[in-house]
Structures are given as structure tokens and as C-alpha cells.
């Protein structure tokens, strides 16, 4: 049975996706650059090295798969997003 976690993020806030020893992967809500598009930033940190990239999705896209985890978008607006992880 999948474990479900519900999150609510404001623009710029993040939640960890995977953690390890000297390794961190986070999901950041980057807002809505357009009324029909919302964006997440994925950040990866390992030791002193890090990288990030933005992902853009249509506002009517309510199911995503990121890093082998399923996200169900419950509500999205320019300032906040509510979603559920299914691991």
C-alpha cells in the first residue's frame, strides 16, 4: 500500500523528496509564470555541490511522476500549491 503525504507550499518553499548521507533532493514551488502553467524546481545537493532545474506543467495536469514518486495536485494558484505524494 502506498504511503501518502499531503503538502502545502507557498512560492519559494520546499519539501524534501529524498535524503541521504551528504545527499539531499528537494522540491520547490516556483509559482505560476502564466495563468495556465505552474512550475516546480528540483534541487539536488551532494556535499558542497548542488544543481537545480525548473519543470513547467499545464495547470490542468493533476498527476505527475517525479523521481519515481507520484504527485497528485489538489489545488494550485499563483501563491500556493497543495499536493499529495504517493511513494
N, C-alpha and C. Protein backbone atom coordinates (compact mmCIF):
# COMPACT_ATOMS: atom_id res chain seq x y z
N UNK A 1 0.84 -1.18 0.00
CA UNK A 1 0.00 0.00 0.00
C UNK A 1 0.89 1.24 0.00
N UNK A 2 0.64 2.21 -0.89
CA UNK A 2 1.50 3.39 -0.95
C UNK A 2 1.31 4.30 0.25
N UNK A 3 2.40 4.93 0.65
CA UNK A 3 2.36 5.90 1.74
C UNK A 3 2.01 7.25 1.13
N UNK A 4 1.02 7.95 1.69
CA UNK A 4 0.60 9.23 1.15
C UNK A 4 0.91 10.33 2.14
N UNK A 5 1.48 11.41 1.64
CA UNK A 5 1.79 12.58 2.45
C UNK A 5 1.24 13.80 1.72
N UNK A 6 0.51 14.66 2.42
CA UNK A 6 -0.06 15.85 1.81
C UNK A 6 0.76 17.07 2.22
N UNK A 7 1.04 17.95 1.25
CA UNK A 7 1.86 19.13 1.48
C UNK A 7 1.18 20.36 0.94
N UNK A 8 1.48 21.49 1.53
CA UNK A 8 1.04 22.79 1.05
C UNK A 8 2.27 23.69 1.04
N UNK A 9 2.65 24.19 -0.13
CA UNK A 9 3.83 25.02 -0.27
C UNK A 9 3.46 26.37 -0.85
N UNK A 10 4.04 27.42 -0.28
CA UNK A 10 3.94 28.75 -0.88
C UNK A 10 5.12 28.93 -1.82
N UNK A 11 5.09 29.95 -2.65
CA UNK A 11 6.16 30.20 -3.60
C UNK A 11 7.49 30.31 -2.85
N UNK A 12 8.47 29.55 -3.29
CA UNK A 12 9.81 29.57 -2.68
C UNK A 12 10.01 28.56 -1.57
N UNK A 13 8.94 27.97 -1.06
CA UNK A 13 9.07 26.95 -0.01
C UNK A 13 9.38 25.60 -0.64
N UNK A 14 10.01 24.74 0.15
CA UNK A 14 10.42 23.44 -0.38
C UNK A 14 10.10 22.32 0.59
N UNK A 15 10.13 21.11 0.07
CA UNK A 15 9.96 19.91 0.87
C UNK A 15 10.97 18.87 0.37
N UNK A 16 11.53 18.08 1.28
CA UNK A 16 12.49 17.06 0.82
C UNK A 16 11.79 15.92 0.10
N UNK A 17 12.44 15.43 -0.94
CA UNK A 17 11.95 14.26 -1.66
C UNK A 17 12.72 13.03 -1.21
N UNK A 18 14.05 13.14 -1.26
CA UNK A 18 14.92 12.04 -0.81
C UNK A 18 16.07 12.64 -0.02
N UNK A 19 16.44 11.96 1.03
CA UNK A 19 17.58 12.38 1.83
C UNK A 19 18.52 11.21 2.02
N UNK A 20 19.77 11.53 2.12
CA UNK A 20 20.77 10.52 2.37
C UNK A 20 21.97 11.17 3.05
N UNK A 21 22.99 10.39 3.27
CA UNK A 21 24.19 10.91 3.89
C UNK A 21 24.90 11.82 2.89
N UNK A 22 25.00 13.11 3.18
CA UNK A 22 25.59 14.12 2.30
C UNK A 22 24.83 14.28 0.99
N UNK A 23 23.57 13.88 0.94
CA UNK A 23 22.78 14.00 -0.29
C UNK A 23 21.37 14.48 0.07
N UNK A 24 20.85 15.42 -0.73
CA UNK A 24 19.52 15.97 -0.47
C UNK A 24 18.86 16.30 -1.80
N UNK A 25 17.61 15.90 -1.96
CA UNK A 25 16.81 16.24 -3.14
C UNK A 25 15.53 16.90 -2.64
N UNK A 26 15.26 18.11 -3.14
CA UNK A 26 14.11 18.87 -2.66
C UNK A 26 13.24 19.33 -3.82
N UNK A 27 11.98 19.54 -3.51
CA UNK A 27 11.00 20.05 -4.47
C UNK A 27 10.57 21.43 -4.00
N UNK A 28 10.71 22.44 -4.86
CA UNK A 28 10.40 23.83 -4.53
C UNK A 28 9.26 24.29 -5.42
N UNK A 29 8.23 24.94 -4.83
CA UNK A 29 7.17 25.50 -5.66
C UNK A 29 7.67 26.84 -6.21
N UNK A 30 7.67 26.98 -7.53
CA UNK A 30 8.20 28.17 -8.18
C UNK A 30 7.10 29.09 -8.73
N UNK A 31 5.85 28.82 -8.40
CA UNK A 31 4.76 29.71 -8.78
C UNK A 31 4.17 29.41 -10.15
N UNK A 32 3.43 30.40 -10.65
CA UNK A 32 2.76 30.28 -11.94
C UNK A 32 3.24 31.42 -12.85
N UNK A 33 4.14 31.13 -13.80
CA UNK A 33 4.58 32.18 -14.71
C UNK A 33 3.49 32.64 -15.68
N UNK A 34 2.45 31.83 -15.80
CA UNK A 34 1.33 32.12 -16.68
C UNK A 34 0.08 31.55 -16.00
N UNK A 35 -1.09 32.03 -16.35
CA UNK A 35 -2.31 31.53 -15.69
C UNK A 35 -2.60 30.07 -16.02
N UNK A 36 -1.98 29.53 -17.07
CA UNK A 36 -2.21 28.14 -17.47
C UNK A 36 -1.03 27.22 -17.18
N UNK A 37 -0.01 27.72 -16.48
CA UNK A 37 1.22 26.96 -16.25
C UNK A 37 1.68 27.15 -14.81
N UNK A 38 2.10 26.07 -14.16
CA UNK A 38 2.75 26.18 -12.85
C UNK A 38 4.11 25.50 -12.92
N UNK A 39 4.98 25.83 -11.95
CA UNK A 39 6.35 25.38 -12.04
C UNK A 39 6.86 24.85 -10.71
N UNK A 40 7.65 23.78 -10.79
CA UNK A 40 8.41 23.25 -9.67
C UNK A 40 9.88 23.37 -10.01
N UNK A 41 10.71 23.56 -9.00
CA UNK A 41 12.16 23.47 -9.17
C UNK A 41 12.63 22.25 -8.38
N UNK A 42 13.42 21.41 -9.00
CA UNK A 42 14.04 20.27 -8.32
C UNK A 42 15.47 20.66 -8.00
N UNK A 43 15.85 20.53 -6.74
CA UNK A 43 17.22 20.84 -6.34
C UNK A 43 17.90 19.58 -5.83
N UNK A 44 19.16 19.45 -6.20
CA UNK A 44 19.97 18.30 -5.81
C UNK A 44 21.23 18.82 -5.15
N UNK A 45 21.54 18.32 -3.97
CA UNK A 45 22.75 18.70 -3.26
C UNK A 45 23.49 17.44 -2.83
N UNK A 46 24.78 17.44 -3.09
CA UNK A 46 25.62 16.33 -2.64
C UNK A 46 26.93 16.94 -2.17
N UNK A 47 27.16 16.90 -0.87
CA UNK A 47 28.34 17.54 -0.30
C UNK A 47 28.28 19.04 -0.54
N UNK A 48 29.31 19.59 -1.17
CA UNK A 48 29.35 21.02 -1.47
C UNK A 48 28.87 21.33 -2.88
N UNK A 49 28.42 20.34 -3.61
CA UNK A 49 27.95 20.54 -4.98
C UNK A 49 26.42 20.51 -5.01
N UNK A 50 25.85 21.37 -5.85
CA UNK A 50 24.40 21.36 -5.99
C UNK A 50 24.01 21.79 -7.39
N UNK A 51 22.80 21.40 -7.77
CA UNK A 51 22.24 21.81 -9.05
C UNK A 51 20.73 21.86 -8.92
N UNK A 52 20.09 22.53 -9.86
CA UNK A 52 18.64 22.65 -9.84
C UNK A 52 18.13 22.85 -11.26
N UNK A 53 16.89 22.47 -11.47
CA UNK A 53 16.25 22.77 -12.74
C UNK A 53 14.76 22.95 -12.53
N UNK A 54 14.16 23.76 -13.40
CA UNK A 54 12.73 24.04 -13.32
C UNK A 54 11.96 23.12 -14.24
N UNK A 55 10.79 22.72 -13.78
CA UNK A 55 9.86 21.93 -14.58
C UNK A 55 8.56 22.71 -14.69
N UNK A 56 7.99 22.75 -15.87
CA UNK A 56 6.76 23.50 -16.11
C UNK A 56 5.65 22.53 -16.51
N UNK A 57 4.47 22.74 -15.93
CA UNK A 57 3.33 21.86 -16.20
C UNK A 57 2.10 22.70 -16.48
N UNK A 58 1.22 22.18 -17.34
CA UNK A 58 -0.05 22.84 -17.59
C UNK A 58 -0.90 22.80 -16.33
N UNK A 59 -1.67 23.84 -16.09
CA UNK A 59 -2.46 23.94 -14.87
C UNK A 59 -3.51 22.85 -14.76
N UNK A 60 -3.91 22.25 -15.86
CA UNK A 60 -4.91 21.17 -15.80
C UNK A 60 -4.25 19.79 -15.68
N UNK A 61 -2.94 19.74 -15.47
CA UNK A 61 -2.21 18.49 -15.27
C UNK A 61 -2.17 18.19 -13.77
N UNK A 62 -2.96 17.21 -13.32
CA UNK A 62 -3.12 16.96 -11.89
C UNK A 62 -2.38 15.73 -11.39
N UNK A 63 -1.73 14.99 -12.26
CA UNK A 63 -0.94 13.83 -11.85
C UNK A 63 0.43 13.90 -12.49
N UNK A 64 1.49 13.85 -11.67
CA UNK A 64 2.86 13.94 -12.15
C UNK A 64 3.67 12.79 -11.58
N UNK A 65 4.74 12.44 -12.25
CA UNK A 65 5.70 11.48 -11.72
C UNK A 65 7.06 12.15 -11.71
N UNK A 66 7.62 12.33 -10.51
CA UNK A 66 8.92 12.94 -10.35
C UNK A 66 9.80 12.03 -9.51
N UNK A 67 10.94 11.66 -10.04
CA UNK A 67 11.91 10.82 -9.33
C UNK A 67 11.24 9.58 -8.75
N UNK A 68 10.49 8.89 -9.58
CA UNK A 68 9.80 7.64 -9.20
C UNK A 68 8.75 7.81 -8.12
N UNK A 69 8.26 9.03 -7.92
CA UNK A 69 7.20 9.29 -6.96
C UNK A 69 6.05 9.98 -7.68
N UNK A 70 4.86 9.61 -7.32
CA UNK A 70 3.66 10.16 -7.95
C UNK A 70 3.15 11.34 -7.14
N UNK A 71 2.88 12.45 -7.81
CA UNK A 71 2.30 13.63 -7.17
C UNK A 71 0.89 13.82 -7.71
N UNK A 72 -0.04 14.02 -6.80
CA UNK A 72 -1.43 14.34 -7.16
C UNK A 72 -1.64 15.79 -6.74
N UNK A 73 -1.90 16.66 -7.70
CA UNK A 73 -2.11 18.08 -7.42
C UNK A 73 -3.55 18.26 -6.96
N UNK A 74 -3.73 18.79 -5.75
CA UNK A 74 -5.07 19.00 -5.20
C UNK A 74 -5.59 20.40 -5.50
N UNK A 75 -4.70 21.39 -5.43
CA UNK A 75 -5.10 22.78 -5.68
C UNK A 75 -3.85 23.57 -6.05
N UNK A 76 -3.96 24.42 -7.03
CA UNK A 76 -2.83 25.25 -7.43
C UNK A 76 -3.32 26.66 -7.73
N UNK A 77 -2.59 27.66 -7.24
CA UNK A 77 -2.84 29.06 -7.57
C UNK A 77 -1.49 29.77 -7.62
N UNK A 78 -1.43 31.02 -8.02
CA UNK A 78 -0.13 31.69 -8.18
C UNK A 78 0.70 31.80 -6.90
N UNK A 79 0.08 31.66 -5.74
CA UNK A 79 0.81 31.85 -4.49
C UNK A 79 1.04 30.56 -3.70
N UNK A 80 0.29 29.53 -3.99
CA UNK A 80 0.36 28.31 -3.16
C UNK A 80 -0.09 27.09 -3.96
N UNK A 81 0.46 25.93 -3.56
CA UNK A 81 0.06 24.67 -4.17
C UNK A 81 -0.15 23.64 -3.07
N UNK A 82 -1.18 22.81 -3.24
CA UNK A 82 -1.43 21.67 -2.34
C UNK A 82 -1.33 20.41 -3.18
N UNK A 83 -0.55 19.45 -2.70
CA UNK A 83 -0.38 18.22 -3.43
C UNK A 83 -0.15 17.07 -2.46
N UNK A 84 -0.24 15.86 -3.01
CA UNK A 84 -0.06 14.65 -2.21
C UNK A 84 0.98 13.78 -2.90
N UNK A 85 1.93 13.30 -2.12
CA UNK A 85 2.92 12.33 -2.60
C UNK A 85 2.36 10.94 -2.42
N UNK A 86 2.59 10.08 -3.37
CA UNK A 86 2.34 8.64 -3.21
C UNK A 86 3.64 7.96 -3.47
N UNK A 87 4.22 7.42 -2.43
CA UNK A 87 5.55 6.79 -2.55
C UNK A 87 5.43 5.31 -2.68
